Amino acid sequence: MSKTTKDDILDEVDNRTIGQDSEEVKTEEKPDKNECECENCECDKEVQNEFKDKYFRALADYQNLNKRIEREREESRQQVSQWIIQKFLTVLDDLELAKQNLKDKGIELIHDKFWKLLEKEGVQKIEIKENDEFNPKYMECIEAQEAGKKLIEVRAGYIMKEKVIRPTQVRVIK
């Protein structure tokens, strides 16, 4: 049995790394990051352009998503606001009846204060005159006589931000 010494091992390692042994040790040289293997170096530009394209598309999608979410939030706020105001319109009807029949100064003050609050929210009363023609966009006919053209308002209608939240109920008479 032959003993291998430390010097023998070091000599063998030196021979292999230098290439004196039967097998050469090959080390791969990595290209420089700035160097390209192709001649015209269009690869980096294409990759950069592709990343820029993807970035701008993702950014546009994100901005569109934000705009859509904000628009949907605003629509939801308006729908909730209209729903609540529709519930309050019955109270307004009762206050108007009380104001007309009781002639009480306190009820008039409450009615006026309540109406001003609704006006601040963008509520407007639909004005109907006797000589107006029936308009189904703003009116709901609850009674009609044959060949009738005269309108009598039964229940007031209201618009909020250019949208009818409650049509005016009318009778169409001769």
C-alpha atoms as a PDB file:
ATOM      1  CA  MET A   1       0.000   0.000   0.000  1.00  0.00           C
ATOM      2  CA  SER A   2       1.411   3.305  -0.967  1.00  0.00           C
ATOM      3  CA  LYS A   3       0.981   6.283   1.245  1.00  0.00           C
ATOM      4  CA  THR A   4      -0.259   9.468  -0.314  1.00  0.00           C
ATOM      5  CA  THR A   5       1.328  12.507   1.089  1.00  0.00           C
ATOM      6  CA  LYS A   6       0.177  16.025   1.198  1.00  0.00           C
ATOM      7  CA  ASP A   7       2.704  17.050  -1.413  1.00  0.00           C
ATOM      8  CA  ASP A   8       1.468  14.384  -3.826  1.00  0.00           C
ATOM      9  CA  ILE A   9      -2.071  15.677  -3.615  1.00  0.00           C
ATOM     10  CA  LEU A  10      -0.986  19.279  -4.144  1.00  0.00           C
ATOM     11  CA  ASP A  11       1.057  18.292  -7.193  1.00  0.00           C
ATOM     12  CA  GLU A  12      -1.914  16.470  -8.681  1.00  0.00           C
ATOM     13  CA  VAL A  13      -4.204  19.479  -8.120  1.00  0.00           C
ATOM     14  CA  ASP A  14      -1.651  21.813  -9.691  1.00  0.00           C
ATOM     15  CA  ASN A  15      -1.318  19.558 -12.738  1.00  0.00           C
ATOM     16  CA  ARG A  16      -5.088  19.485 -13.273  1.00  0.00           C
ATOM     17  CA  THR A  17      -5.631  23.217 -12.994  1.00  0.00           C
ATOM     18  CA  ILE A  18      -2.685  24.019 -15.241  1.00  0.00           C
ATOM     19  CA  GLY A  19      -3.886  21.501 -17.805  1.00  0.00           C
ATOM     20  CA  GLN A  20      -0.913  19.135 -17.678  1.00  0.00           C
ATOM     21  CA  ASP A  21      -3.117  16.209 -16.811  1.00  0.00           C
ATOM     22  CA  SER A  22      -4.951  14.282 -19.515  1.00  0.00           C
ATOM     23  CA  GLU A  23      -8.136  16.197 -18.863  1.00  0.00           C
ATOM     24  CA  GLU A  24      -8.185  19.967 -19.070  1.00  0.00           C
ATOM     25  CA  VAL A  25     -10.285  21.866 -16.624  1.00  0.00           C
ATOM     26  CA  LYS A  26     -12.468  24.299 -18.514  1.00  0.00           C
ATOM     27  CA  THR A  27     -13.897  27.326 -16.856  1.00  0.00           C
ATOM     28  CA  GLU A  28     -16.735  29.134 -18.548  1.00  0.00           C
ATOM     29  CA  GLU A  29     -16.227  32.776 -19.004  1.00  0.00           C
ATOM     30  CA  LYS A  30     -19.375  34.754 -18.296  1.00  0.00           C
ATOM     31  CA  PRO A  31     -19.996  37.606 -20.683  1.00  0.00           C
ATOM     32  CA  ASP A  32     -20.014  41.061 -19.297  1.00  0.00           C
ATOM     33  CA  LYS A  33     -23.477  42.350 -18.426  1.00  0.00           C
ATOM     34  CA  ASN A  34     -23.145  45.187 -20.875  1.00  0.00           C
ATOM     35  CA  GLU A  35     -21.887  42.969 -23.671  1.00  0.00           C
ATOM     36  CA  CYS A  36     -24.265  41.058 -25.899  1.00  0.00           C
ATOM     37  CA  GLU A  37     -23.395  37.932 -27.834  1.00  0.00           C
ATOM     38  CA  CYS A  38     -25.210  39.088 -30.951  1.00  0.00           C
ATOM     39  CA  GLU A  39     -23.591  41.521 -33.295  1.00  0.00           C
ATOM     40  CA  ASN A  40     -26.096  44.367 -33.448  1.00  0.00           C
ATOM     41  CA  CYS A  41     -27.098  44.301 -29.753  1.00  0.00           C
ATOM     42  CA  GLU A  42     -30.838  44.656 -30.447  1.00  0.00           C
ATOM     43  CA  CYS A  43     -31.721  42.060 -27.780  1.00  0.00           C
ATOM     44  CA  ASP A  44     -31.350  44.445 -24.856  1.00  0.00           C
ATOM     45  CA  LYS A  45     -33.346  47.148 -26.612  1.00  0.00           C
ATOM     46  CA  GLU A  46     -36.158  44.697 -27.415  1.00  0.00           C
ATOM     47  CA  VAL A  47     -36.270  43.443 -23.841  1.00  0.00           C
ATOM     48  CA  GLN A  48     -36.274  46.989 -22.486  1.00  0.00           C
ATOM     49  CA  ASN A  49     -39.033  48.000 -24.887  1.00  0.00           C
ATOM     50  CA  GLU A  50     -41.062  44.939 -23.917  1.00  0.00           C
ATOM     51  CA  PHE A  51     -40.702  45.743 -20.217  1.00  0.00           C
ATOM     52  CA  LYS A  52     -41.620  49.397 -20.824  1.00  0.00           C
ATOM     53  CA  ASP A  53     -44.673  48.272 -22.799  1.00  0.00           C
ATOM     54  CA  LYS A  54     -45.769  45.930 -20.026  1.00  0.00           C
ATOM     55  CA  TYR A  55     -45.127  48.579 -17.394  1.00  0.00           C
ATOM     56  CA  PHE A  56     -47.169  51.249 -19.189  1.00  0.00           C
ATOM     57  CA  ARG A  57     -50.008  48.807 -19.861  1.00  0.00           C
ATOM     58  CA  ALA A  58     -50.084  47.759 -16.215  1.00  0.00           C
ATOM     59  CA  LEU A  59     -49.987  51.404 -15.147  1.00  0.00           C
ATOM     60  CA  ALA A  60     -52.866  52.282 -17.507  1.00  0.00           C
ATOM     61  CA  ASP A  61     -54.885  49.300 -16.240  1.00  0.00           C
ATOM     62  CA  TYR A  62     -54.288  50.408 -12.671  1.00  0.00           C
ATOM     63  CA  GLN A  63     -55.317  53.992 -13.403  1.00  0.00           C
ATOM     64  CA  ASN A  64     -58.442  52.813 -15.229  1.00  0.00           C
ATOM     65  CA  LEU A  65     -59.300  50.575 -12.284  1.00  0.00           C
ATOM     66  CA  ASN A  66     -58.952  53.505  -9.881  1.00  0.00           C
ATOM     67  CA  LYS A  67     -61.167  55.692 -12.068  1.00  0.00           C
ATOM     68  CA  ARG A  68     -63.803  52.965 -12.365  1.00  0.00           C
ATOM     69  CA  ILE A  69     -63.819  52.316  -8.626  1.00  0.00           C
ATOM     70  CA  GLU A  70     -64.170  56.039  -7.882  1.00  0.00           C
ATOM     71  CA  ARG A  71     -66.991  56.359 -10.425  1.00  0.00           C
ATOM     72  CA  GLU A  72     -68.782  53.333  -8.906  1.00  0.00           C
ATOM     73  CA  ARG A  73     -68.364  54.783  -5.407  1.00  0.00           C
ATOM     74  CA  GLU A  74     -69.898  58.083  -6.514  1.00  0.00           C
ATOM     75  CA  GLU A  75     -72.798  56.269  -8.192  1.00  0.00           C
ATOM     76  CA  SER A  76     -73.359  54.261  -5.014  1.00  0.00           C
ATOM     77  CA  ARG A  77     -73.337  57.437  -2.903  1.00  0.00           C
ATOM     78  CA  GLN A  78     -75.899  59.028  -5.210  1.00  0.00           C
ATOM     79  CA  GLN A  79     -78.127  55.946  -5.165  1.00  0.00           C
ATOM     80  CA  VAL A  80     -78.070  55.784  -1.374  1.00  0.00           C
ATOM     81  CA  SER A  81     -78.715  59.510  -1.136  1.00  0.00           C
ATOM     82  CA  GLN A  82     -81.665  59.257  -3.543  1.00  0.00           C
ATOM     83  CA  TRP A  83     -83.064  56.273  -1.663  1.00  0.00           C
ATOM     84  CA  ILE A  84     -82.930  58.122   1.666  1.00  0.00           C
ATOM     85  CA  ILE A  85     -84.432  61.292   0.205  1.00  0.00           C
ATOM     86  CA  GLN A  86     -87.266  59.272  -1.355  1.00  0.00           C
ATOM     87  CA  LYS A  87     -88.099  58.057   2.152  1.00  0.00           C
ATOM     88  CA  PHE A  88     -88.113  61.662   3.426  1.00  0.00           C
ATOM     89  CA  LEU A  89     -90.445  62.855   0.675  1.00  0.00           C
ATOM     90  CA  THR A  90     -93.423  61.268   2.438  1.00  0.00           C
ATOM     91  CA  VAL A  91     -92.539  63.329   5.520  1.00  0.00           C
ATOM     92  CA  LEU A  92     -92.367  66.437   3.324  1.00  0.00           C
ATOM     93  CA  ASP A  93     -95.835  65.604   1.929  1.00  0.00           C
ATOM     94  CA  ASP A  94     -97.205  65.368   5.475  1.00  0.00           C
ATOM     95  CA  LEU A  95     -95.565  68.657   6.449  1.00  0.00           C
ATOM     96  CA  GLU A  96     -97.080  70.390   3.406  1.00  0.00           C
ATOM     97  CA  LEU A  97    -100.547  69.081   4.294  1.00  0.00           C
ATOM     98  CA  ALA A  98    -100.113  70.237   7.881  1.00  0.00           C
ATOM     99  CA  LYS A  99     -98.833  73.629   6.724  1.00  0.00           C
ATOM    100  CA  GLN A 100    -101.864  74.122   4.435  1.00  0.00           C
ATOM    101  CA  ASN A 101    -104.491  72.925   6.907  1.00  0.00           C
ATOM    102  CA  LEU A 102    -103.232  74.090  10.322  1.00  0.00           C
ATOM    103  CA  LYS A 103    -101.699  77.472   9.484  1.00  0.00           C
ATOM    104  CA  ASP A 104     -99.242  77.063  12.373  1.00  0.00           C
ATOM    105  CA  LYS A 105     -96.070  79.151  12.359  1.00  0.00           C
ATOM    106  CA  GLY A 106     -94.003  76.317  13.921  1.00  0.00           C
ATOM    107  CA  ILE A 107     -95.016  73.838  11.220  1.00  0.00           C
ATOM    108  CA  GLU A 108     -94.198  76.423   8.536  1.00  0.00           C
ATOM    109  CA  LEU A 109     -90.714  76.897  10.029  1.00  0.00           C
ATOM    110  CA  ILE A 110     -90.101  73.140  10.185  1.00  0.00           C
ATOM    111  CA  HIS A 111     -91.343  72.707   6.599  1.00  0.00           C
ATOM    112  CA  ASP A 112     -89.132  75.520   5.302  1.00  0.00           C
ATOM    113  CA  LYS A 113     -86.077  74.221   7.153  1.00  0.00           C
ATOM    114  CA  PHE A 114     -86.684  70.692   5.868  1.00  0.00           C
ATOM    115  CA  TRP A 115     -87.163  71.932   2.302  1.00  0.00           C
ATOM    116  CA  LYS A 116     -83.929  73.990   2.432  1.00  0.00           C
ATOM    117  CA  LEU A 117     -82.063  70.884   3.584  1.00  0.00           C
ATOM    118  CA  LEU A 118     -83.421  68.930   0.606  1.00  0.00           C
ATOM    119  CA  GLU A 119     -82.524  71.773  -1.770  1.00  0.00           C
ATOM    120  CA  LYS A 120     -78.923  71.677  -0.527  1.00  0.00           C
ATOM    121  CA  GLU A 121     -78.858  68.015  -1.587  1.00  0.00           C
ATOM    122  CA  GLY A 122     -79.979  68.984  -5.096  1.00  0.00           C
ATOM    123  CA  VAL A 123     -83.703  68.193  -4.820  1.00  0.00           C
ATOM    124  CA  GLN A 124     -86.047  70.308  -6.940  1.00  0.00           C
ATOM    125  CA  LYS A 125     -89.817  70.192  -7.192  1.00  0.00           C
ATOM    126  CA  ILE A 126     -91.322  69.409 -10.592  1.00  0.00           C
ATOM    127  CA  GLU A 127     -93.537  72.366 -11.422  1.00  0.00           C
ATOM    128  CA  ILE A 128     -96.815  71.483 -13.162  1.00  0.00           C
ATOM    129  CA  LYS A 129     -99.156  74.078 -14.666  1.00  0.00           C
ATOM    130  CA  GLU A 130    -102.722  73.460 -15.774  1.00  0.00           C
ATOM    131  CA  ASN A 131    -101.919  74.205 -19.401  1.00  0.00           C
ATOM    132  CA  ASP A 132     -98.884  71.879 -19.564  1.00  0.00           C
ATOM    133  CA  GLU A 133     -99.125  68.780 -21.700  1.00  0.00           C
ATOM    134  CA  PHE A 134     -98.840  65.375 -20.083  1.00  0.00           C
ATOM    135  CA  ASN A 135     -95.186  64.293 -20.045  1.00  0.00           C
ATOM    136  CA  PRO A 136     -94.635  60.661 -18.995  1.00  0.00           C
ATOM    137  CA  LYS A 137     -90.997  61.424 -18.220  1.00  0.00           C
ATOM    138  CA  TYR A 138     -92.004  63.600 -15.258  1.00  0.00           C
ATOM    139  CA  MET A 139     -95.630  62.631 -14.633  1.00  0.00           C
ATOM    140  CA  GLU A 140     -97.688  59.658 -13.621  1.00  0.00           C
ATOM    141  CA  CYS A 141    -101.357  59.719 -14.619  1.00  0.00           C
ATOM    142  CA  ILE A 142    -103.689  58.337 -11.968  1.00  0.00           C
ATOM    143  CA  GLU A 143    -106.941  59.391 -13.638  1.00  0.00           C
ATOM    144  CA  ALA A 144    -107.772  60.516 -17.150  1.00  0.00           C
ATOM    145  CA  GLN A 145    -110.967  61.718 -18.773  1.00  0.00           C
ATOM    146  CA  GLU A 146    -111.583  61.301 -22.463  1.00  0.00           C
ATOM    147  CA  ALA A 147    -110.219  64.211 -24.493  1.00  0.00           C
ATOM    148  CA  GLY A 148    -108.789  65.738 -21.317  1.00  0.00           C
ATOM    149  CA  LYS A 149    -106.000  68.265 -21.549  1.00  0.00           C
ATOM    150  CA  LYS A 150    -106.036  70.022 -18.210  1.00  0.00           C
ATOM    151  CA  LEU A 151    -103.641  68.729 -15.516  1.00  0.00           C
ATOM    152  CA  ILE A 152    -104.373  68.692 -11.805  1.00  0.00           C
ATOM    153  CA  GLU A 153    -101.495  67.809  -9.499  1.00  0.00           C
ATOM    154  CA  VAL A 154    -102.400  65.168  -6.918  1.00  0.00           C
ATOM    155  CA  ARG A 155     -98.951  64.514  -5.439  1.00  0.00           C
ATOM    156  CA  ALA A 156     -95.795  66.533  -6.029  1.00  0.00           C
ATOM    157  CA  GLY A 157     -92.881  65.074  -7.945  1.00  0.00           C
ATOM    158  CA  TYR A 158     -89.189  65.735  -7.423  1.00  0.00           C
ATOM    159  CA  ILE A 159     -85.943  65.738  -9.378  1.00  0.00           C
ATOM    160  CA  MET A 160     -82.515  65.230  -7.864  1.00  0.00           C
ATOM    161  CA  LYS A 161     -79.442  66.102  -9.934  1.00  0.00           C
ATOM    162  CA  GLU A 162     -81.385  65.894 -13.206  1.00  0.00           C
ATOM    163  CA  LYS A 163     -82.901  62.502 -12.350  1.00  0.00           C
ATOM    164  CA  VAL A 164     -86.557  61.984 -11.469  1.00  0.00           C
ATOM    165  CA  ILE A 165     -86.704  60.465  -8.000  1.00  0.00           C
ATOM    166  CA  ARG A 166     -90.501  60.627  -7.781  1.00  0.00           C
ATOM    167  CA  PRO A 167     -92.826  61.487 -10.682  1.00  0.00           C
ATOM    168  CA  THR A 168     -95.679  63.933 -10.183  1.00  0.00           C
ATOM    169  CA  GLN A 169     -99.078  62.244  -9.928  1.00  0.00           C
ATOM    170  CA  VAL A 170    -101.662  64.053 -12.006  1.00  0.00           C
ATOM    171  CA  ARG A 171    -105.273  63.854 -13.124  1.00  0.00           C
ATOM    172  CA  VAL A 172    -105.996  64.677 -16.728  1.00  0.00           C
ATOM    173  CA  ILE A 173    -109.432  66.286 -17.065  1.00  0.00           C
ATOM    174  CA  LYS A 174    -111.446  68.289 -19.628  1.00  0.00           C
END
